[in-house]
C-alpha atoms as a PDB file:
ATOM      1  CA  MET A   1       6.010   6.224  12.915  1.00  0.00           C
ATOM      2  CA  ASP A   2       5.354   2.583  12.230  1.00  0.00           C
ATOM      3  CA  MET A   3       3.975   2.811   8.692  1.00  0.00           C
ATOM      4  CA  GLN A   4       3.625   0.020   6.234  1.00  0.00           C
ATOM      5  CA  ILE A   5       2.165  -0.731   2.832  1.00  0.00           C
ATOM      6  CA  SER A   6       2.925  -4.422   2.895  1.00  0.00           C
ATOM      7  CA  GLN A   7       2.576  -7.055   0.215  1.00  0.00           C
ATOM      8  CA  VAL A   8       1.075 -10.395   1.237  1.00  0.00           C
ATOM      9  CA  SER A   9       1.345 -13.692  -0.562  1.00  0.00           C
ATOM     10  CA  ARG A  10      -1.492 -15.081  -2.666  1.00  0.00           C
ATOM     11  CA  SER A  11      -1.921 -17.969  -0.208  1.00  0.00           C
ATOM     12  CA  ASP A  12      -2.297 -15.536   2.709  1.00  0.00           C
ATOM     13  CA  ARG A  13      -4.904 -13.547   0.799  1.00  0.00           C
ATOM     14  CA  ASP A  14      -6.798 -16.658  -0.225  1.00  0.00           C
ATOM     15  CA  ALA A  15      -6.812 -17.909   3.367  1.00  0.00           C
ATOM     16  CA  ARG A  16      -8.161 -14.619   4.670  1.00  0.00           C
ATOM     17  CA  SER A  17     -10.752 -14.303   1.900  1.00  0.00           C
ATOM     18  CA  VAL A  18     -12.726 -17.311   3.154  1.00  0.00           C
ATOM     19  CA  VAL A  19     -13.040 -16.041   6.723  1.00  0.00           C
ATOM     20  CA  HIS A  20     -16.664 -15.270   7.603  1.00  0.00           C
ATOM     21  CA  ALA A  21     -17.906 -12.877  10.238  1.00  0.00           C
ATOM     22  CA  GLY A  22     -18.652 -15.102  13.225  1.00  0.00           C
ATOM     23  CA  ALA A  23     -15.773 -17.522  12.550  1.00  0.00           C
ATOM     24  CA  MET A  24     -13.786 -16.117  15.485  1.00  0.00           C
ATOM     25  CA  SER A  25     -15.248 -15.303  18.887  1.00  0.00           C
ATOM     26  CA  ARG A  26     -14.328 -12.189  20.836  1.00  0.00           C
ATOM     27  CA  GLU A  27     -12.528 -14.352  23.384  1.00  0.00           C
ATOM     28  CA  GLN A  28     -10.509 -16.064  20.648  1.00  0.00           C
ATOM     29  CA  LEU A  29      -9.612 -12.684  19.198  1.00  0.00           C
ATOM     30  CA  ILE A  30      -8.320 -11.428  22.560  1.00  0.00           C
ATOM     31  CA  LEU A  31      -6.224 -14.577  22.968  1.00  0.00           C
ATOM     32  CA  GLN A  32      -4.799 -14.143  19.480  1.00  0.00           C
ATOM     33  CA  LEU A  33      -3.920 -10.497  20.106  1.00  0.00           C
ATOM     34  CA  ASN A  34      -2.252 -11.418  23.397  1.00  0.00           C
ATOM     35  CA  ALA A  35      -0.167 -14.040  21.565  1.00  0.00           C
ATOM     36  CA  VAL A  36       1.352 -11.742  18.942  1.00  0.00           C
ATOM     37  CA  ALA A  37       4.526  -9.817  19.692  1.00  0.00           C
ATOM     38  CA  GLY A  38       7.667  -8.409  18.132  1.00  0.00           C
ATOM     39  CA  PRO A  39       8.302  -5.905  15.332  1.00  0.00           C
ATOM     40  CA  ALA A  40       5.279  -7.123  13.324  1.00  0.00           C
ATOM     41  CA  TYR A  41       2.881  -6.725  16.269  1.00  0.00           C
ATOM     42  CA  LEU A  42       0.797  -4.027  14.600  1.00  0.00           C
ATOM     43  CA  GLN A  43       0.486  -5.920  11.325  1.00  0.00           C
ATOM     44  CA  ALA A  44      -0.304  -9.244  13.022  1.00  0.00           C
ATOM     45  CA  GLY A  45      -2.894  -7.566  15.213  1.00  0.00           C
ATOM     46  CA  LEU A  46      -4.543  -5.844  12.255  1.00  0.00           C
ATOM     47  CA  HIS A  47      -4.676  -9.142  10.367  1.00  0.00           C
ATOM     48  CA  ALA A  48      -6.487 -10.699  13.345  1.00  0.00           C
ATOM     49  CA  LEU A  49      -8.936  -7.793  13.608  1.00  0.00           C
ATOM     50  CA  THR A  50      -9.590  -7.890   9.869  1.00  0.00           C
ATOM     51  CA  SER A  51     -10.454 -11.578  10.035  1.00  0.00           C
ATOM     52  CA  TYR A  52     -12.635 -11.055  13.109  1.00  0.00           C
ATOM     53  CA  ALA A  53     -14.674  -8.452  11.221  1.00  0.00           C
ATOM     54  CA  GLY A  54     -15.111 -10.816   8.270  1.00  0.00           C
ATOM     55  CA  ALA A  55     -13.052  -8.525   6.039  1.00  0.00           C
ATOM     56  CA  SER A  56     -10.230  -9.378   3.641  1.00  0.00           C
ATOM     57  CA  TYR A  57      -7.936  -6.319   3.514  1.00  0.00           C
ATOM     58  CA  TYR A  58      -7.118  -3.456   5.898  1.00  0.00           C
ATOM     59  CA  LEU A  59      -5.792   0.073   5.481  1.00  0.00           C
ATOM     60  CA  LEU A  60      -4.850   2.024   8.613  1.00  0.00           C
ATOM     61  CA  VAL A  61      -4.303   5.744   8.015  1.00  0.00           C
ATOM     62  CA  ARG A  62      -3.467   8.730  10.160  1.00  0.00           C
ATOM     63  CA  SER A  63      -6.388  11.017   9.403  1.00  0.00           C
ATOM     64  CA  ASP A  64      -4.748  14.223  10.585  1.00  0.00           C
ATOM     65  CA  LEU A  65      -2.104  13.775   7.852  1.00  0.00           C
ATOM     66  CA  ILE A  66      -4.477  12.914   5.014  1.00  0.00           C
ATOM     67  CA  GLN A  67      -4.423  16.409   3.568  1.00  0.00           C
ATOM     68  CA  GLU A  68      -0.630  16.475   3.398  1.00  0.00           C
ATOM     69  CA  SER A  69       1.252  15.547   0.227  1.00  0.00           C
ATOM     70  CA  GLY A  70       2.323  12.026  -0.682  1.00  0.00           C
ATOM     71  CA  LEU A  71       1.249   8.867   1.109  1.00  0.00           C
ATOM     72  CA  ASP A  72       2.765   9.644   4.499  1.00  0.00           C
ATOM     73  CA  PHE A  73      -0.664   9.294   6.124  1.00  0.00           C
ATOM     74  CA  VAL A  74      -0.584   5.504   5.553  1.00  0.00           C
ATOM     75  CA  ILE A  75       0.354   3.641   8.731  1.00  0.00           C
ATOM     76  CA  SER A  76      -0.143   0.031   7.708  1.00  0.00           C
ATOM     77  CA  SER A  77      -1.935  -1.664   4.835  1.00  0.00           C
ATOM     78  CA  ASP A  78      -2.222  -4.819   2.779  1.00  0.00           C
ATOM     79  CA  TRP A  79      -4.439  -3.176   0.164  1.00  0.00           C
ATOM     80  CA  PRO A  80      -2.914  -3.345  -3.330  1.00  0.00           C
ATOM     81  CA  PHE A  81      -0.500  -0.420  -3.626  1.00  0.00           C
ATOM     82  CA  ASP A  82      -2.113   1.005  -6.779  1.00  0.00           C
ATOM     83  CA  LEU A  83      -5.468   1.080  -5.002  1.00  0.00           C
ATOM     84  CA  VAL A  84      -4.001   2.963  -2.029  1.00  0.00           C
ATOM     85  CA  ARG A  85      -2.399   5.489  -4.365  1.00  0.00           C
ATOM     86  CA  ARG A  86      -5.666   5.914  -6.291  1.00  0.00           C
ATOM     87  CA  LEU A  87      -7.728   6.306  -3.118  1.00  0.00           C
ATOM     88  CA  ALA A  88      -5.439   9.008  -1.693  1.00  0.00           C
ATOM     89  CA  ALA A  89      -7.170  11.775  -3.654  1.00  0.00           C
ATOM     90  CA  GLU A  90     -10.607  10.483  -2.629  1.00  0.00           C
ATOM     91  CA  LEU A  91      -9.649  10.422   1.054  1.00  0.00           C
ATOM     92  CA  THR A  92      -8.183  13.907   0.888  1.00  0.00           C
ATOM     93  CA  SER A  93     -11.296  15.297  -0.782  1.00  0.00           C
ATOM     94  CA  GLY A  94     -13.733  13.506   1.543  1.00  0.00           C
ATOM     95  CA  TYR A  95     -11.899  14.326   4.756  1.00  0.00           C
ATOM     96  CA  GLY A  96     -11.720  17.993   3.848  1.00  0.00           C
ATOM     97  CA  ARG A  97     -15.526  18.183   3.603  1.00  0.00           C
ATOM     98  CA  ILE A  98     -16.108  16.906   7.155  1.00  0.00           C
ATOM     99  CA  GLY A  99     -16.342  19.410   9.980  1.00  0.00           C
ATOM    100  CA  GLU A 100     -14.533  18.980  13.300  1.00  0.00           C
ATOM    101  CA  LEU A 101     -17.784  18.227  15.179  1.00  0.00           C
ATOM    102  CA  GLU A 102     -18.691  15.519  12.665  1.00  0.00           C
ATOM    103  CA  LYS A 103     -15.200  14.043  12.983  1.00  0.00           C
ATOM    104  CA  CYS A 104     -15.635  13.922  16.759  1.00  0.00           C
ATOM    105  CA  MET A 105     -19.067  12.275  16.511  1.00  0.00           C
ATOM    106  CA  SER A 106     -17.769   9.657  14.069  1.00  0.00           C
ATOM    107  CA  VAL A 107     -15.301   8.115  16.541  1.00  0.00           C
ATOM    108  CA  PHE A 108     -15.940   4.350  16.862  1.00  0.00           C
ATOM    109  CA  GLN A 109     -19.036   4.657  14.655  1.00  0.00           C
ATOM    110  CA  PRO A 110     -18.731   2.330  11.625  1.00  0.00           C
ATOM    111  CA  SER A 111     -19.510   3.868   8.256  1.00  0.00           C
ATOM    112  CA  ALA A 112     -19.523   2.586   4.687  1.00  0.00           C
ATOM    113  CA  ALA A 113     -18.540   4.194   1.395  1.00  0.00           C
ATOM    114  CA  LEU A 114     -18.044   3.162  -2.213  1.00  0.00           C
ATOM    115  CA  LEU A 115     -14.745   3.104  -4.058  1.00  0.00           C
ATOM    116  CA  PRO A 116     -14.626   4.940  -7.422  1.00  0.00           C
ATOM    117  CA  ASP A 117     -15.937   2.929 -10.376  1.00  0.00           C
ATOM    118  CA  ASP A 118     -12.610   3.096 -12.199  1.00  0.00           C
ATOM    119  CA  VAL A 119     -10.472   1.349  -9.548  1.00  0.00           C
ATOM    120  CA  THR A 120      -9.252  -2.213  -9.991  1.00  0.00           C
ATOM    121  CA  LEU A 121     -10.106  -4.468  -7.064  1.00  0.00           C
ATOM    122  CA  PRO A 122      -8.821  -7.909  -6.072  1.00  0.00           C
ATOM    123  CA  ASP A 123     -10.962 -10.803  -7.311  1.00  0.00           C
ATOM    124  CA  GLY A 124     -14.205 -11.192  -5.395  1.00  0.00           C
ATOM    125  CA  ILE A 125     -13.833  -7.965  -3.391  1.00  0.00           C
ATOM    126  CA  GLY A 126     -16.821  -5.622  -3.301  1.00  0.00           C
ATOM    127  CA  ARG A 127     -16.633  -1.934  -4.143  1.00  0.00           C
ATOM    128  CA  GLN A 128     -17.967  -0.925  -0.732  1.00  0.00           C
ATOM    129  CA  TYR A 129     -15.451  -0.396   2.076  1.00  0.00           C
ATOM    130  CA  HIS A 130     -16.119   0.014   5.800  1.00  0.00           C
ATOM    131  CA  ALA A 131     -14.400   2.701   7.862  1.00  0.00           C
ATOM    132  CA  LEU A 132     -13.812   3.272  11.571  1.00  0.00           C
ATOM    133  CA  SER A 133     -12.224   6.314  13.212  1.00  0.00           C
ATOM    134  CA  PHE A 134     -10.514   6.446  16.596  1.00  0.00           C
ATOM    135  CA  ASN A 135      -8.129   8.633  18.564  1.00  0.00           C
ATOM    136  CA  VAL A 136      -4.815   7.878  20.228  1.00  0.00           C
ATOM    137  CA  GLY A 137      -4.172  10.929  22.369  1.00  0.00           C
ATOM    138  CA  ARG A 138      -4.570  13.874  20.011  1.00  0.00           C
ATOM    139  CA  THR A 139      -3.898  11.789  16.915  1.00  0.00           C
ATOM    140  CA  ARG A 140      -6.826  10.681  14.726  1.00  0.00           C
ATOM    141  CA  PHE A 141      -6.721   7.368  12.871  1.00  0.00           C
ATOM    142  CA  SER A 142      -9.078   5.622  10.469  1.00  0.00           C
ATOM    143  CA  LEU A 143      -9.224   1.924   9.661  1.00  0.00           C
ATOM    144  CA  LEU A 144     -10.658   1.048   6.240  1.00  0.00           C
ATOM    145  CA  LEU A 145     -11.684  -2.532   5.498  1.00  0.00           C
ATOM    146  CA  LEU A 146     -12.351  -4.235   2.178  1.00  0.00           C
ATOM    147  CA  VAL A 147     -14.767  -7.170   2.228  1.00  0.00           C
ATOM    148  CA  ARG A 148     -15.877  -9.818  -0.237  1.00  0.00           C
ATOM    149  CA  GLU A 149     -18.984  -9.072  -2.269  1.00  0.00           C
ATOM    150  CA  SER A 150     -21.067 -11.554  -0.274  1.00  0.00           C
ATOM    151  CA  VAL A 151     -19.961 -10.337   3.194  1.00  0.00           C
ATOM    152  CA  THR A 152     -21.562  -7.646   5.371  1.00  0.00           C
ATOM    153  CA  PRO A 153     -19.628  -7.108   8.638  1.00  0.00           C
ATOM    154  CA  SER A 154     -21.793  -6.595  11.718  1.00  0.00           C
ATOM    155  CA  SER A 155     -21.769  -3.188  13.397  1.00  0.00           C
ATOM    156  CA  GLU A 156     -20.996  -4.814  16.741  1.00  0.00           C
ATOM    157  CA  ARG A 157     -17.890  -6.525  15.411  1.00  0.00           C
ATOM    158  CA  LEU A 158     -16.767  -3.360  13.663  1.00  0.00           C
ATOM    159  CA  ARG A 159     -17.041  -1.414  16.917  1.00  0.00           C
ATOM    160  CA  ASP A 160     -14.972  -4.113  18.653  1.00  0.00           C
ATOM    161  CA  VAL A 161     -12.384  -3.742  15.898  1.00  0.00           C
ATOM    162  CA  GLY A 162     -12.316   0.041  16.339  1.00  0.00           C
ATOM    163  CA  LEU A 163     -11.706  -0.217  20.073  1.00  0.00           C
ATOM    164  CA  LEU A 164      -8.967  -2.813  19.684  1.00  0.00           C
ATOM    165  CA  SER A 165      -7.361  -0.937  16.785  1.00  0.00           C
ATOM    166  CA  SER A 166      -7.014   2.016  19.147  1.00  0.00           C
ATOM    167  CA  TYR A 167      -5.304  -0.266  21.651  1.00  0.00           C
ATOM    168  CA  LEU A 168      -2.933  -1.617  18.979  1.00  0.00           C
ATOM    169  CA  ALA A 169      -2.064   1.852  17.718  1.00  0.00           C
ATOM    170  CA  SER A 170      -1.340   3.145  21.208  1.00  0.00           C
ATOM    171  CA  SER A 171       0.823   0.082  21.932  1.00  0.00           C
ATOM    172  CA  THR A 172       3.065   0.313  18.878  1.00  0.00           C
ATOM    173  CA  ARG A 173       4.258   3.933  18.857  1.00  0.00           C
ATOM    174  CA  CYS A 174       2.625   4.668  15.496  1.00  0.00           C
ATOM    175  CA  ALA A 175       1.327   7.957  16.925  1.00  0.00           C
ATOM    176  CA  GLY A 176       4.534   8.854  18.662  1.00  0.00           C
ATOM    177  CA  GLY A 177       7.379  11.187  17.916  1.00  0.00           C
ATOM    178  CA  LYS A 178      11.013  10.600  17.116  1.00  0.00           C
ATOM    179  CA  LEU A 179      13.221   8.260  19.084  1.00  0.00           C
ATOM    180  CA  GLU A 180      16.508   9.421  20.482  1.00  0.00           C
ATOM    181  CA  ARG A 181      19.325   8.039  18.369  1.00  0.00           C
ATOM    182  CA  ASP A 182      23.107   7.855  18.643  1.00  0.00           C
ATOM    183  CA  PHE A 183      23.560   8.242  14.884  1.00  0.00           C
ATOM    184  CA  ASP A 184      22.671  11.135  12.643  1.00  0.00           C
ATOM    185  CA  LEU A 185      20.097  10.199  10.001  1.00  0.00           C
ATOM    186  CA  THR A 186      18.107  13.019   8.467  1.00  0.00           C
ATOM    187  CA  ASP A 187      14.311  12.912   8.312  1.00  0.00           C
ATOM    188  CA  ARG A 188      14.440  12.190   4.572  1.00  0.00           C
ATOM    189  CA  GLU A 189      16.970   9.382   5.082  1.00  0.00           C
ATOM    190  CA  LEU A 190      14.691   7.857   7.711  1.00  0.00           C
ATOM    191  CA  GLU A 191      11.763   8.061   5.292  1.00  0.00           C
ATOM    192  CA  CYS A 192      13.760   6.229   2.628  1.00  0.00           C
ATOM    193  CA  LEU A 193      14.902   3.638   5.164  1.00  0.00           C
ATOM    194  CA  PHE A 194      11.299   3.027   6.155  1.00  0.00           C
ATOM    195  CA  TRP A 195      10.149   2.556   2.577  1.00  0.00           C
ATOM    196  CA  ILE A 196      12.953   0.168   1.601  1.00  0.00           C
ATOM    197  CA  ALA A 197      12.017  -1.833   4.709  1.00  0.00           C
ATOM    198  CA  GLU A 198       8.523  -2.040   3.210  1.00  0.00           C
ATOM    199  CA  GLY A 199       9.992  -3.592   0.063  1.00  0.00           C
ATOM    200  CA  LYS A 200       9.583  -0.536  -2.143  1.00  0.00           C
ATOM    201  CA  THR A 201      11.906   0.038  -5.088  1.00  0.00           C
ATOM    202  CA  SER A 202      13.691   3.340  -5.681  1.00  0.00           C
ATOM    203  CA  ASP A 203      11.146   4.189  -8.389  1.00  0.00           C
ATOM    204  CA  GLU A 204       8.225   3.556  -6.012  1.00  0.00           C
ATOM    205  CA  ILE A 205       9.810   5.596  -3.220  1.00  0.00           C
ATOM    206  CA  ALA A 206      10.469   8.420  -5.665  1.00  0.00           C
ATOM    207  CA  MET A 207       6.793   8.423  -6.625  1.00  0.00           C
ATOM    208  CA  ILE A 208       5.642   8.360  -2.987  1.00  0.00           C
ATOM    209  CA  LEU A 209       7.948  11.172  -1.864  1.00  0.00           C
ATOM    210  CA  GLY A 210       7.734  13.205  -5.053  1.00  0.00           C
ATOM    211  CA  ILE A 211      11.475  13.394  -5.718  1.00  0.00           C
ATOM    212  CA  SER A 212      13.753  11.837  -8.328  1.00  0.00           C
ATOM    213  CA  ARG A 213      14.991   8.240  -8.375  1.00  0.00           C
ATOM    214  CA  ASN A 214      18.626   9.407  -8.313  1.00  0.00           C
ATOM    215  CA  THR A 215      17.954  11.486  -5.202  1.00  0.00           C
ATOM    216  CA  ILE A 216      16.377   8.464  -3.519  1.00  0.00           C
ATOM    217  CA  ASN A 217      19.427   6.346  -4.335  1.00  0.00           C
ATOM    218  CA  ASN A 218      21.685   9.055  -2.896  1.00  0.00           C
ATOM    219  CA  TYR A 219      19.691   9.053   0.354  1.00  0.00           C
ATOM    220  CA  ILE A 220      19.849   5.257   0.578  1.00  0.00           C
ATOM    221  CA  THR A 221      23.608   5.280  -0.073  1.00  0.00           C
ATOM    222  CA  SER A 222      23.986   7.831   2.730  1.00  0.00           C
ATOM    223  CA  VAL A 223      21.914   5.648   5.070  1.00  0.00           C
ATOM    224  CA  MET A 224      24.133   2.637   4.406  1.00  0.00           C
ATOM    225  CA  ARG A 225      27.282   4.707   4.924  1.00  0.00           C
ATOM    226  CA  LYS A 226      26.061   6.126   8.253  1.00  0.00           C
ATOM    227  CA  THR A 227      24.835   2.750   9.525  1.00  0.00           C
ATOM    228  CA  ALA A 228      27.920   0.850   8.316  1.00  0.00           C
ATOM    229  CA  THR A 229      25.819  -1.500   6.190  1.00  0.00           C
ATOM    230  CA  LYS A 230      26.643  -2.744   2.704  1.00  0.00           C
ATOM    231  CA  THR A 231      23.258  -3.744   1.302  1.00  0.00           C
ATOM    232  CA  ARG A 232      19.648  -2.677   1.599  1.00  0.00           C
ATOM    233  CA  SER A 233      18.886  -5.903   3.466  1.00  0.00           C
ATOM    234  CA  GLU A 234      21.551  -5.104   6.055  1.00  0.00           C
ATOM    235  CA  ALA A 235      20.150  -1.574   6.385  1.00  0.00           C
ATOM    236  CA  ILE A 236      16.662  -3.007   6.968  1.00  0.00           C
ATOM    237  CA  ALA A 237      18.000  -5.383   9.643  1.00  0.00           C
ATOM    238  CA  PHE A 238      19.767  -2.436  11.288  1.00  0.00           C
ATOM    239  CA  ALA A 239      16.539  -0.451  11.254  1.00  0.00           C
ATOM    240  CA  VAL A 240      14.590  -3.295  12.868  1.00  0.00           C
ATOM    241  CA  ARG A 241      17.200  -3.784  15.588  1.00  0.00           C
ATOM    242  CA  ASN A 242      17.143  -0.084  16.411  1.00  0.00           C
ATOM    243  CA  ASN A 243      13.338   0.305  16.297  1.00  0.00           C
ATOM    244  CA  LEU A 244      13.453   2.642  13.298  1.00  0.00           C
ATOM    245  CA  VAL A 245      10.738   0.854  11.332  1.00  0.00           C
END
């Protein structure tokens, strides 16, 4: 699964924060999506869709995993990590209250909700977030967008974003199963490899997976031994070359 909780630079955030709804036409968006490629295709595409909607931050989650433990339901995000962790309980609680028929009717229908009063938001970002749900095969996804206090995305643009998010998700294997591999990494080792590729420290991975820091380091050491790499950076490069992250 192509999951990511990525960190973006301040300059990138500042550049995206001044994008208004209407600054990019639908035709320009399609051209931009056609131009992106490579391992970061999903992230680049989501950045483009976020800007098109007039939003500043995106969080793509796999809704059918929300009620599981940890943060494994996160596919890709540039929301601040602490905010994602704080919102996890809210998403779990809210998703559990929605019936299957309501979930079906909500597909591609934009909705809005408020973040809890006690969360810390980036400067200038409003407490309201906008959500879109879509399916890729039998897998349900939701895209959550944070916008600046003065911005109200149009429903039409949000629906465009939902449709194209579905296309991106189906094109990047984030709903798919395991790849066949010639080397023997366990599921837990693959999880650790994914999270170090996302720039997470051992302490952060331990918190996400709910196991000790020493256990995480043991898994990472095993990954490097099995992949014949000497550093975490080499392990990440190996993972990218072999389509593991």
